[in-house]
């Protein structure tokens, strides 16, 4: 009976031989393939452009950057369902979503700027206390956004399509698009 070491050597040899045989049998595999000619008049399908993400709002912050209290910026979504979603993660692996909505009158969120409300979407009812460190991070994000909002609105006209939180609730709560 073969030892474990002898069995592994035989297995490795068999794999190497199979790999050489496959490479020899498919010598053209590394050549670039050419697309079949397109008949004249056939429409070309073009993918729609990916929605832009308004990074100008967070001009001084990079993905992965620490924001305080153990929280880091993970991502910034595009304008969708009337808001921009800021994704945060902490050193313990928890995640948080902050919805950037249009401000309409009195502020609704944990923090706000002249034009935007920042709402922490933690599945609470608006009365549930938020983690204090996370709240401070959201207030810090609002200060960054306040410095950049005029430039962001000029660079990303889609930000004009943001909706106040209450209007988003009426429009999207039944479609589960408020994630």
C-alpha atoms as a PDB file:
ATOM      1  CA  UNK A   1       0.000   0.000   0.000  1.00  0.00           C
ATOM      2  CA  UNK A   2       1.314   3.456  -0.928  1.00  0.00           C
ATOM      3  CA  UNK A   3       2.071   5.966   1.771  1.00  0.00           C
ATOM      4  CA  UNK A   4       0.157   9.221   1.789  1.00  0.00           C
ATOM      5  CA  UNK A   5       3.239  10.995   0.361  1.00  0.00           C
ATOM      6  CA  UNK A   6       3.532   8.460  -2.503  1.00  0.00           C
ATOM      7  CA  UNK A   7      -0.187   8.802  -3.316  1.00  0.00           C
ATOM      8  CA  UNK A   8       0.096  12.610  -3.457  1.00  0.00           C
ATOM      9  CA  UNK A   9       3.151  12.368  -5.755  1.00  0.00           C
ATOM     10  CA  UNK A  10       1.259  10.085  -8.150  1.00  0.00           C
ATOM     11  CA  UNK A  11      -1.761  12.398  -8.086  1.00  0.00           C
ATOM     12  CA  UNK A  12       0.396  15.462  -8.793  1.00  0.00           C
ATOM     13  CA  UNK A  13       2.084  13.654 -11.680  1.00  0.00           C
ATOM     14  CA  UNK A  14      -1.260  12.659 -13.185  1.00  0.00           C
ATOM     15  CA  UNK A  15      -2.529  16.241 -12.947  1.00  0.00           C
ATOM     16  CA  UNK A  16       0.632  17.585 -14.614  1.00  0.00           C
ATOM     17  CA  UNK A  17       0.355  15.067 -17.486  1.00  0.00           C
ATOM     18  CA  UNK A  18      -3.341  15.876 -17.975  1.00  0.00           C
ATOM     19  CA  UNK A  19      -2.526  19.591 -18.072  1.00  0.00           C
ATOM     20  CA  UNK A  20       0.184  19.127 -20.723  1.00  0.00           C
ATOM     21  CA  UNK A  21      -2.149  16.983 -22.827  1.00  0.00           C
ATOM     22  CA  UNK A  22      -4.929  19.545 -22.601  1.00  0.00           C
ATOM     23  CA  UNK A  23      -2.586  22.383 -23.540  1.00  0.00           C
ATOM     24  CA  UNK A  24      -1.202  20.445 -26.513  1.00  0.00           C
ATOM     25  CA  UNK A  25      -4.669  19.486 -27.684  1.00  0.00           C
ATOM     26  CA  UNK A  26      -5.933  23.066 -27.601  1.00  0.00           C
ATOM     27  CA  UNK A  27      -3.006  24.988 -29.023  1.00  0.00           C
ATOM     28  CA  UNK A  28      -5.313  27.670 -30.419  1.00  0.00           C
ATOM     29  CA  UNK A  29      -6.915  28.378 -27.054  1.00  0.00           C
ATOM     30  CA  UNK A  30      -4.636  31.337 -26.378  1.00  0.00           C
ATOM     31  CA  UNK A  31      -5.310  33.015 -29.723  1.00  0.00           C
ATOM     32  CA  UNK A  32      -7.817  35.863 -29.625  1.00  0.00           C
ATOM     33  CA  UNK A  33     -11.188  34.932 -31.019  1.00  0.00           C
ATOM     34  CA  UNK A  34     -12.696  37.149 -33.672  1.00  0.00           C
ATOM     35  CA  UNK A  35     -16.355  37.993 -33.637  1.00  0.00           C
ATOM     36  CA  UNK A  36     -18.429  36.747 -36.525  1.00  0.00           C
ATOM     37  CA  UNK A  37     -19.091  39.436 -39.122  1.00  0.00           C
ATOM     38  CA  UNK A  38     -22.257  41.408 -38.426  1.00  0.00           C
ATOM     39  CA  UNK A  39     -24.787  41.478 -41.283  1.00  0.00           C
ATOM     40  CA  UNK A  40     -25.337  44.970 -42.662  1.00  0.00           C
ATOM     41  CA  UNK A  41     -28.203  46.830 -41.029  1.00  0.00           C
ATOM     42  CA  UNK A  42     -28.118  44.784 -37.818  1.00  0.00           C
ATOM     43  CA  UNK A  43     -28.593  47.141 -34.849  1.00  0.00           C
ATOM     44  CA  UNK A  44     -25.771  47.273 -32.360  1.00  0.00           C
ATOM     45  CA  UNK A  45     -26.862  46.808 -28.755  1.00  0.00           C
ATOM     46  CA  UNK A  46     -25.287  49.337 -26.453  1.00  0.00           C
ATOM     47  CA  UNK A  47     -25.481  48.898 -22.704  1.00  0.00           C
ATOM     48  CA  UNK A  48     -26.917  51.906 -20.884  1.00  0.00           C
ATOM     49  CA  UNK A  49     -24.314  53.903 -18.989  1.00  0.00           C
ATOM     50  CA  UNK A  50     -23.858  52.977 -15.359  1.00  0.00           C
ATOM     51  CA  UNK A  51     -25.460  55.538 -13.055  1.00  0.00           C
ATOM     52  CA  UNK A  52     -22.910  58.014 -11.814  1.00  0.00           C
ATOM     53  CA  UNK A  53     -22.114  58.189  -8.154  1.00  0.00           C
ATOM     54  CA  UNK A  54     -21.962  61.736  -6.806  1.00  0.00           C
ATOM     55  CA  UNK A  55     -18.533  61.438  -5.147  1.00  0.00           C
ATOM     56  CA  UNK A  56     -18.203  65.226  -5.321  1.00  0.00           C
ATOM     57  CA  UNK A  57     -20.434  65.285  -2.218  1.00  0.00           C
ATOM     58  CA  UNK A  58     -17.682  63.535  -0.257  1.00  0.00           C
ATOM     59  CA  UNK A  59     -14.765  65.176  -2.049  1.00  0.00           C
ATOM     60  CA  UNK A  60     -12.329  64.879   0.880  1.00  0.00           C
ATOM     61  CA  UNK A  61     -13.225  61.272   1.787  1.00  0.00           C
ATOM     62  CA  UNK A  62     -12.081  58.089   0.046  1.00  0.00           C
ATOM     63  CA  UNK A  63     -13.684  54.623   0.238  1.00  0.00           C
ATOM     64  CA  UNK A  64     -12.166  52.745   3.156  1.00  0.00           C
ATOM     65  CA  UNK A  65     -11.222  55.927   4.985  1.00  0.00           C
ATOM     66  CA  UNK A  66     -11.793  56.025   8.741  1.00  0.00           C
ATOM     67  CA  UNK A  67     -14.509  58.478   9.782  1.00  0.00           C
ATOM     68  CA  UNK A  68     -14.273  58.098  13.551  1.00  0.00           C
ATOM     69  CA  UNK A  69     -15.655  55.853  16.311  1.00  0.00           C
ATOM     70  CA  UNK A  70     -14.424  52.810  14.357  1.00  0.00           C
ATOM     71  CA  UNK A  71     -16.584  53.573  11.301  1.00  0.00           C
ATOM     72  CA  UNK A  72     -15.270  53.676   7.710  1.00  0.00           C
ATOM     73  CA  UNK A  73     -16.780  54.776   4.408  1.00  0.00           C
ATOM     74  CA  UNK A  74     -17.564  51.642   2.396  1.00  0.00           C
ATOM     75  CA  UNK A  75     -19.365  53.025  -0.667  1.00  0.00           C
ATOM     76  CA  UNK A  76     -21.574  55.739  -2.094  1.00  0.00           C
ATOM     77  CA  UNK A  77     -24.478  54.717  -4.282  1.00  0.00           C
ATOM     78  CA  UNK A  78     -25.976  56.538  -7.256  1.00  0.00           C
ATOM     79  CA  UNK A  79     -29.184  58.541  -7.073  1.00  0.00           C
ATOM     80  CA  UNK A  80     -31.862  55.847  -6.827  1.00  0.00           C
ATOM     81  CA  UNK A  81     -35.415  55.863  -5.463  1.00  0.00           C
ATOM     82  CA  UNK A  82     -35.061  59.547  -4.619  1.00  0.00           C
ATOM     83  CA  UNK A  83     -31.929  59.269  -2.449  1.00  0.00           C
ATOM     84  CA  UNK A  84     -28.212  58.580  -2.370  1.00  0.00           C
ATOM     85  CA  UNK A  85     -27.144  55.823   0.018  1.00  0.00           C
ATOM     86  CA  UNK A  86     -23.887  56.157   1.940  1.00  0.00           C
ATOM     87  CA  UNK A  87     -22.682  52.755   3.151  1.00  0.00           C
ATOM     88  CA  UNK A  88     -20.603  52.643   6.325  1.00  0.00           C
ATOM     89  CA  UNK A  89     -18.888  49.706   8.044  1.00  0.00           C
ATOM     90  CA  UNK A  90     -17.219  49.503  11.420  1.00  0.00           C
ATOM     91  CA  UNK A  91     -14.260  47.548  12.722  1.00  0.00           C
ATOM     92  CA  UNK A  92     -16.612  44.941  14.225  1.00  0.00           C
ATOM     93  CA  UNK A  93     -18.194  44.206  10.838  1.00  0.00           C
ATOM     94  CA  UNK A  94     -21.443  46.069  11.443  1.00  0.00           C
ATOM     95  CA  UNK A  95     -22.827  48.111   8.586  1.00  0.00           C
ATOM     96  CA  UNK A  96     -24.966  51.218   8.451  1.00  0.00           C
ATOM     97  CA  UNK A  97     -26.838  52.968   5.664  1.00  0.00           C
ATOM     98  CA  UNK A  98     -27.304  56.700   5.618  1.00  0.00           C
ATOM     99  CA  UNK A  99     -29.878  57.976   3.131  1.00  0.00           C
ATOM    100  CA  UNK A 100     -29.152  61.396   1.730  1.00  0.00           C
ATOM    101  CA  UNK A 101     -32.536  62.934   0.896  1.00  0.00           C
ATOM    102  CA  UNK A 102     -33.721  66.370  -0.162  1.00  0.00           C
ATOM    103  CA  UNK A 103     -34.401  68.648   2.746  1.00  0.00           C
ATOM    104  CA  UNK A 104     -37.887  70.107   2.721  1.00  0.00           C
ATOM    105  CA  UNK A 105     -38.466  72.466   5.638  1.00  0.00           C
ATOM    106  CA  UNK A 106     -37.530  71.184   9.082  1.00  0.00           C
ATOM    107  CA  UNK A 107     -34.752  68.555   9.073  1.00  0.00           C
ATOM    108  CA  UNK A 108     -35.815  64.926   9.439  1.00  0.00           C
ATOM    109  CA  UNK A 109     -32.537  63.097   9.912  1.00  0.00           C
ATOM    110  CA  UNK A 110     -29.730  62.654  12.385  1.00  0.00           C
ATOM    111  CA  UNK A 111     -27.922  65.456  10.570  1.00  0.00           C
ATOM    112  CA  UNK A 112     -28.624  67.894   7.756  1.00  0.00           C
ATOM    113  CA  UNK A 113     -27.215  70.561   5.492  1.00  0.00           C
ATOM    114  CA  UNK A 114     -28.999  73.501   3.896  1.00  0.00           C
ATOM    115  CA  UNK A 115     -30.192  71.221   1.071  1.00  0.00           C
ATOM    116  CA  UNK A 116     -30.013  67.650   2.349  1.00  0.00           C
ATOM    117  CA  UNK A 117     -31.222  65.464   5.221  1.00  0.00           C
ATOM    118  CA  UNK A 118     -29.033  62.559   6.338  1.00  0.00           C
ATOM    119  CA  UNK A 119     -31.212  59.776   7.711  1.00  0.00           C
ATOM    120  CA  UNK A 120     -29.751  56.774   9.474  1.00  0.00           C
ATOM    121  CA  UNK A 121     -31.721  53.791   8.188  1.00  0.00           C
ATOM    122  CA  UNK A 122     -31.500  51.408  11.133  1.00  0.00           C
ATOM    123  CA  UNK A 123     -35.014  49.937  10.887  1.00  0.00           C
ATOM    124  CA  UNK A 124     -36.054  52.078  13.837  1.00  0.00           C
ATOM    125  CA  UNK A 125     -39.124  54.233  14.086  1.00  0.00           C
ATOM    126  CA  UNK A 126     -37.293  57.549  14.248  1.00  0.00           C
ATOM    127  CA  UNK A 127     -37.560  57.492  18.039  1.00  0.00           C
ATOM    128  CA  UNK A 128     -35.035  54.698  18.615  1.00  0.00           C
ATOM    129  CA  UNK A 129     -31.744  56.060  19.982  1.00  0.00           C
ATOM    130  CA  UNK A 130     -28.866  55.665  17.556  1.00  0.00           C
ATOM    131  CA  UNK A 131     -25.360  54.592  18.462  1.00  0.00           C
ATOM    132  CA  UNK A 132     -23.725  57.798  19.665  1.00  0.00           C
ATOM    133  CA  UNK A 133     -20.455  57.209  17.803  1.00  0.00           C
ATOM    134  CA  UNK A 134     -22.323  56.499  14.585  1.00  0.00           C
ATOM    135  CA  UNK A 135     -24.428  59.615  15.110  1.00  0.00           C
ATOM    136  CA  UNK A 136     -21.262  61.693  15.393  1.00  0.00           C
ATOM    137  CA  UNK A 137     -19.958  60.155  12.173  1.00  0.00           C
ATOM    138  CA  UNK A 138     -23.196  61.092  10.364  1.00  0.00           C
ATOM    139  CA  UNK A 139     -22.914  64.655  11.706  1.00  0.00           C
ATOM    140  CA  UNK A 140     -19.329  64.735  10.402  1.00  0.00           C
ATOM    141  CA  UNK A 141     -20.524  63.522   6.992  1.00  0.00           C
ATOM    142  CA  UNK A 142     -23.091  66.339   6.961  1.00  0.00           C
ATOM    143  CA  UNK A 143     -20.304  68.877   7.539  1.00  0.00           C
ATOM    144  CA  UNK A 144     -18.311  67.422   4.619  1.00  0.00           C
ATOM    145  CA  UNK A 145     -21.387  67.405   2.364  1.00  0.00           C
ATOM    146  CA  UNK A 146     -22.253  70.996   3.356  1.00  0.00           C
ATOM    147  CA  UNK A 147     -18.820  72.148   2.132  1.00  0.00           C
ATOM    148  CA  UNK A 148     -19.249  70.290  -1.160  1.00  0.00           C
ATOM    149  CA  UNK A 149     -22.970  70.481  -1.933  1.00  0.00           C
ATOM    150  CA  UNK A 150     -22.869  73.449  -4.353  1.00  0.00           C
ATOM    151  CA  UNK A 151     -20.089  71.859  -6.423  1.00  0.00           C
ATOM    152  CA  UNK A 152     -21.829  68.474  -6.255  1.00  0.00           C
ATOM    153  CA  UNK A 153     -25.134  69.905  -7.502  1.00  0.00           C
ATOM    154  CA  UNK A 154     -23.295  71.516 -10.426  1.00  0.00           C
ATOM    155  CA  UNK A 155     -21.353  68.328 -11.264  1.00  0.00           C
ATOM    156  CA  UNK A 156     -24.259  65.912 -10.707  1.00  0.00           C
ATOM    157  CA  UNK A 157     -27.565  67.395 -11.917  1.00  0.00           C
ATOM    158  CA  UNK A 158     -29.267  64.108 -10.959  1.00  0.00           C
ATOM    159  CA  UNK A 159     -29.017  65.263  -7.321  1.00  0.00           C
ATOM    160  CA  UNK A 160     -31.866  67.649  -8.106  1.00  0.00           C
ATOM    161  CA  UNK A 161     -34.036  64.509  -8.297  1.00  0.00           C
ATOM    162  CA  UNK A 162     -33.634  63.673  -4.618  1.00  0.00           C
ATOM    163  CA  UNK A 163     -36.886  63.535  -2.684  1.00  0.00           C
ATOM    164  CA  UNK A 164     -37.701  64.426   0.912  1.00  0.00           C
ATOM    165  CA  UNK A 165     -37.832  61.354   3.151  1.00  0.00           C
ATOM    166  CA  UNK A 166     -41.606  61.462   3.670  1.00  0.00           C
ATOM    167  CA  UNK A 167     -42.207  61.563  -0.080  1.00  0.00           C
ATOM    168  CA  UNK A 168     -39.840  58.626  -0.551  1.00  0.00           C
ATOM    169  CA  UNK A 169     -41.799  56.660   2.018  1.00  0.00           C
ATOM    170  CA  UNK A 170     -45.043  57.312   0.138  1.00  0.00           C
ATOM    171  CA  UNK A 171     -43.469  56.444  -3.218  1.00  0.00           C
ATOM    172  CA  UNK A 172     -41.210  53.486  -2.439  1.00  0.00           C
ATOM    173  CA  UNK A 173     -42.099  51.808   0.852  1.00  0.00           C
ATOM    174  CA  UNK A 174     -44.239  49.154  -0.857  1.00  0.00           C
ATOM    175  CA  UNK A 175     -41.566  48.352  -3.447  1.00  0.00           C
ATOM    176  CA  UNK A 176     -38.805  47.582  -0.909  1.00  0.00           C
ATOM    177  CA  UNK A 177     -36.515  50.021  -2.723  1.00  0.00           C
ATOM    178  CA  UNK A 178     -35.625  51.928   0.444  1.00  0.00           C
ATOM    179  CA  UNK A 179     -32.757  49.579   1.286  1.00  0.00           C
END
